[in-house]
C-alpha cells in the first residue's frame, strides 16, 4: 500500500496522518577514523552522559566524549569517556588524567568479541564516576573518584574526539570502522536535565546525529571526513 493511499484511508477514517520525520533513522553511524561531532556543549562540570559505541579494533587510545586533555594535571582537563587500548578499559578525565592503574572499568569482552558497549559518566567537583555495560552482562561495572580540584574551561565537548592542543585542533578519534549508536549529554551529574539527545540518522544525504532536544542535525565537523551508515560499513 503506497503512502498516498494510506493517507487517504486515515483521512476517511477521521484520523490525522503522522507528521513525517525530517530524517531517516539508522541503527548506527560509522567513522572513517577522522570524523567527529561538536554538540555545542561546554566541557565543564557538572555533567553526566551516556553513549553507546563499538570499536573497530584495539589499535589506539581514543576518546568517545571529550573536552581538553592536556597530558598532565590541569584545571581544564575534562573528558566523560576515553578508551585505553593497552588495558581495554574506559576512563574519564577530571583535572587528573585517570588511566590504567586507577581501577577503571574493563570492556575487554566487547573488544575481543567485536561487540558494542554502553558508557555512563557523572562528573562534578568532589564526585566522579564512570560505568560500563557490556552485552555479556546484565549489570554495570563502575569506578569512582573524589577529586576536589576546580575544573573550569571554555572548551566544548567533542563526540568521537577531544581537543589536542588548542580549541581548533582535534584528535584521539576512534579507529576507522568504529560505530556510534547514540549519545546523551546532561548539564547536571544526575542524568536529569537532558541537553543533547543524539540519535543516528541520514539527513539530506549525510549521516550524523539528530539532536531530539534542539530538533537539529549534527554531522561530522570535518566535511572532508563524513560519517557513513550501516549499508556502507
Protein backbone atom coordinates (compact mmCIF):
# COMPACT_ATOMS: atom_id res chain seq x y z
CA UNK A 1 0.00 0.00 0.00
CA UNK A 2 1.53 3.32 -1.03
CA UNK A 3 1.80 6.37 1.24
CA UNK A 4 -0.88 8.36 -0.59
CA UNK A 5 -3.46 5.56 -0.23
CA UNK A 6 -2.69 5.18 3.47
CA UNK A 7 -3.10 8.90 3.97
CA UNK A 8 -6.49 8.92 2.21
CA UNK A 9 -7.73 5.98 4.26
CA UNK A 10 -6.71 7.68 7.52
CA UNK A 11 -8.45 10.91 6.50
CA UNK A 12 -11.63 8.99 5.59
CA UNK A 13 -11.49 7.29 8.99
CA UNK A 14 -11.17 10.63 10.71
CA UNK A 15 -7.56 10.14 11.80
CA UNK A 16 -4.66 12.54 11.46
CA UNK A 17 -1.78 11.25 9.35
CA UNK A 18 1.56 11.23 11.20
CA UNK A 19 3.99 14.03 10.51
CA UNK A 20 6.91 12.62 8.53
CA UNK A 21 10.31 12.80 10.20
CA UNK A 22 12.81 15.22 8.64
CA UNK A 23 15.45 12.46 8.82
CA UNK A 24 15.79 8.72 8.28
CA UNK A 25 16.75 6.85 11.47
CA UNK A 26 19.56 4.28 11.23
CA UNK A 27 20.95 1.85 13.81
CA UNK A 28 24.39 3.49 13.97
CA UNK A 29 26.84 5.67 12.06
CA UNK A 30 30.39 4.70 11.14
CA UNK A 31 33.59 6.77 11.30
CA UNK A 32 36.43 6.68 8.78
CA UNK A 33 38.87 7.40 11.62
CA UNK A 34 38.72 11.18 11.30
CA UNK A 35 35.05 12.03 11.95
CA UNK A 36 33.93 14.00 14.99
CA UNK A 37 30.80 15.88 16.10
CA UNK A 38 30.55 19.16 18.02
CA UNK A 39 27.29 19.10 20.02
CA UNK A 40 27.74 22.68 21.25
CA UNK A 41 28.06 21.87 24.97
CA UNK A 42 30.85 23.17 27.20
CA UNK A 43 33.26 20.61 28.67
CA UNK A 44 32.90 21.68 32.28
CA UNK A 45 31.20 20.19 35.35
CA UNK A 46 28.69 19.25 36.43
CA UNK A 47 27.96 16.89 33.53
CA UNK A 48 26.64 13.40 33.02
CA UNK A 49 26.38 11.39 29.82
CA UNK A 50 25.51 8.10 28.19
CA UNK A 51 27.00 6.86 24.93
CA UNK A 52 26.88 3.55 23.06
CA UNK A 53 29.80 2.65 20.80
CA UNK A 54 31.59 -0.21 19.12
CA UNK A 55 35.30 -0.04 18.39
CA UNK A 56 36.52 -1.48 15.11
CA UNK A 57 39.81 -2.61 16.61
CA UNK A 58 42.16 -2.16 19.56
CA UNK A 59 44.75 -0.12 17.71
CA UNK A 60 44.83 3.12 19.69
CA UNK A 61 43.80 5.18 22.67
CA UNK A 62 40.81 7.31 21.70
CA UNK A 63 38.00 9.47 23.04
CA UNK A 64 34.25 8.93 22.83
CA UNK A 65 33.19 12.17 24.55
CA UNK A 66 35.99 14.56 25.45
CA UNK A 67 36.96 18.16 26.02
CA UNK A 68 40.51 19.28 26.74
CA UNK A 69 43.06 16.62 27.71
CA UNK A 70 46.46 18.24 28.21
CA UNK A 71 48.63 15.26 29.10
CA UNK A 72 49.17 16.20 32.74
CA UNK A 73 47.04 17.51 35.62
CA UNK A 74 45.34 20.75 34.56
CA UNK A 75 42.29 22.81 35.56
CA UNK A 76 40.86 22.50 32.02
CA UNK A 77 41.15 18.69 31.81
CA UNK A 78 37.68 17.18 31.29
CA UNK A 79 36.52 14.09 29.37
CA UNK A 80 33.46 11.94 30.03
CA UNK A 81 34.58 8.80 28.18
CA UNK A 82 38.00 7.77 26.89
CA UNK A 83 39.35 4.38 25.79
CA UNK A 84 42.73 2.95 26.87
CA UNK A 85 43.89 0.30 24.45
CA UNK A 86 46.70 -1.29 26.47
CA UNK A 87 44.28 -2.47 29.18
CA UNK A 88 40.99 -2.44 27.22
CA UNK A 89 39.37 -0.12 29.74
CA UNK A 90 37.34 3.10 29.63
CA UNK A 91 38.14 6.12 31.80
CA UNK A 92 37.17 9.71 32.48
CA UNK A 93 39.37 12.77 32.92
CA UNK A 94 38.72 15.31 35.68
CA UNK A 95 41.68 17.57 36.39
CA UNK A 96 43.77 14.39 36.66
CA UNK A 97 44.03 12.02 33.72
CA UNK A 98 42.91 8.70 35.14
CA UNK A 99 44.31 5.64 33.44
CA UNK A 100 45.28 2.02 33.59
CA UNK A 101 46.29 1.97 37.27
CA UNK A 102 43.17 3.73 38.60
CA UNK A 103 40.68 0.85 38.61
CA UNK A 104 38.78 2.00 35.53
CA UNK A 105 36.16 -0.49 34.14
CA UNK A 106 37.11 -3.08 31.55
CA UNK A 107 35.50 -3.52 28.12
CA UNK A 108 37.69 -6.49 27.22
CA UNK A 109 34.76 -8.74 26.27
CA UNK A 110 33.41 -6.12 23.85
CA UNK A 111 36.79 -5.51 22.24
CA UNK A 112 37.68 -9.18 21.93
CA UNK A 113 34.26 -10.14 20.53
CA UNK A 114 33.60 -7.07 18.36
CA UNK A 115 30.51 -6.03 20.36
CA UNK A 116 29.04 -2.63 21.26
CA UNK A 117 29.02 -1.35 24.84
CA UNK A 118 27.44 1.50 26.81
CA UNK A 119 29.37 4.04 28.90
CA UNK A 120 27.71 6.27 31.52
CA UNK A 121 29.64 9.01 33.30
CA UNK A 122 28.88 11.54 36.03
CA UNK A 123 31.41 14.27 36.80
CA UNK A 124 31.19 17.04 39.39
CA UNK A 125 33.55 18.59 41.93
CA UNK A 126 34.19 16.03 44.66
CA UNK A 127 32.45 13.07 42.97
CA UNK A 128 33.22 11.44 39.62
CA UNK A 129 32.17 8.05 38.30
CA UNK A 130 32.12 6.01 35.11
CA UNK A 131 30.09 2.84 34.45
CA UNK A 132 30.14 0.28 31.65
CA UNK A 133 27.59 -2.26 30.50
CA UNK A 134 28.63 -4.95 28.02
CA UNK A 135 26.45 -7.42 26.12
CA UNK A 136 27.67 -10.35 28.22
CA UNK A 137 26.36 -8.81 31.45
CA UNK A 138 23.09 -7.51 32.91
CA UNK A 139 24.92 -5.33 35.43
CA UNK A 140 27.11 -2.23 35.31
CA UNK A 141 30.78 -2.08 36.26
CA UNK A 142 31.66 1.22 37.95
CA UNK A 143 34.74 3.15 39.03
CA UNK A 144 34.62 6.31 41.17
CA UNK A 145 36.91 9.12 42.32
CA UNK A 146 36.52 12.10 44.65
CA UNK A 147 38.72 14.73 43.01
CA UNK A 148 38.02 18.17 44.57
CA UNK A 149 40.15 20.27 42.25
CA UNK A 150 38.31 23.03 40.41
CA UNK A 151 37.75 22.36 36.70
CA UNK A 152 36.74 25.31 34.54
CA UNK A 153 37.01 25.50 30.77
CA UNK A 154 35.76 27.30 27.67
CA UNK A 155 36.41 24.19 25.57
CA UNK A 156 33.39 22.38 24.17
CA UNK A 157 32.67 18.67 24.26
CA UNK A 158 33.63 16.60 21.22
CA UNK A 159 31.82 13.40 20.28
CA UNK A 160 34.35 10.85 18.94
CA UNK A 161 37.35 13.01 19.82
CA UNK A 162 38.76 15.78 22.02
CA UNK A 163 40.88 18.91 21.73
CA UNK A 164 44.58 18.26 21.46
CA UNK A 165 46.49 21.49 21.83
CA UNK A 166 44.06 24.31 21.01
CA UNK A 167 40.33 24.73 20.56
CA UNK A 168 40.74 24.26 16.82
CA UNK A 169 42.95 21.16 16.94
CA UNK A 170 41.15 17.84 17.30
CA UNK A 171 42.44 14.33 17.87
CA UNK A 172 42.04 10.99 19.63
CA UNK A 173 39.47 9.84 17.07
CA UNK A 174 38.21 6.22 17.30
CA UNK A 175 39.67 3.99 14.56
CA UNK A 176 38.21 3.57 11.09
CA UNK A 177 35.05 1.44 11.15
CA UNK A 178 34.04 2.25 14.75
CA UNK A 179 30.30 2.72 15.33
CA UNK A 180 28.30 5.33 17.23
CA UNK A 181 24.82 4.19 18.31
CA UNK A 182 23.67 7.23 20.32
CA UNK A 183 24.88 9.96 22.66
CA UNK A 184 23.09 11.70 25.55
CA UNK A 185 24.52 14.69 27.43
CA UNK A 186 23.11 16.24 30.62
CA UNK A 187 24.04 19.53 32.30
CA UNK A 188 23.93 18.00 35.78
CA UNK A 189 25.52 14.99 37.47
CA UNK A 190 22.25 13.08 37.97
CA UNK A 191 21.23 12.23 34.36
CA UNK A 192 18.20 14.53 34.81
CA UNK A 193 18.42 17.64 32.62
CA UNK A 194 18.97 16.32 29.10
CA UNK A 195 20.57 18.95 26.84
CA UNK A 196 21.66 16.75 23.90
CA UNK A 197 19.96 13.57 22.71
CA UNK A 198 21.67 12.43 19.54
CA UNK A 199 20.32 9.50 17.52
CA UNK A 200 21.94 8.16 14.32
CA UNK A 201 20.27 9.24 11.11
CA UNK A 202 20.55 10.14 7.45
CA UNK A 203 19.65 13.77 6.75
CA UNK A 204 19.83 15.43 3.33
CA UNK A 205 22.19 12.72 2.15
CA UNK A 206 24.53 12.99 5.16
CA UNK A 207 24.96 10.63 8.10
CA UNK A 208 25.19 12.03 11.61
CA UNK A 209 23.20 12.52 14.81
CA UNK A 210 19.77 14.12 15.09
CA UNK A 211 19.54 16.02 18.37
CA UNK A 212 16.00 15.50 19.66
CA UNK A 213 16.42 18.32 22.20
CA UNK A 214 17.20 21.11 19.71
CA UNK A 215 15.49 19.30 16.81
CA UNK A 216 18.56 19.77 14.65
CA UNK A 217 21.16 17.75 12.72
CA UNK A 218 24.80 17.36 13.71
CA UNK A 219 27.06 15.83 11.10
CA UNK A 220 30.82 15.38 11.05
CA UNK A 221 32.55 18.68 11.81
CA UNK A 222 35.17 17.75 9.21
CA UNK A 223 33.41 17.99 5.86
CA UNK A 224 36.20 16.03 4.18
CA UNK A 225 35.55 13.09 6.51
CA UNK A 226 31.80 12.37 6.67
CA UNK A 227 30.26 9.51 8.62
CA UNK A 228 28.84 6.55 6.73
CA UNK A 229 25.86 4.35 7.56
CA UNK A 230 25.25 0.64 8.16
CA UNK A 231 25.00 -0.16 4.45
CA UNK A 232 28.44 1.35 3.87
CA UNK A 233 30.23 -0.13 6.89
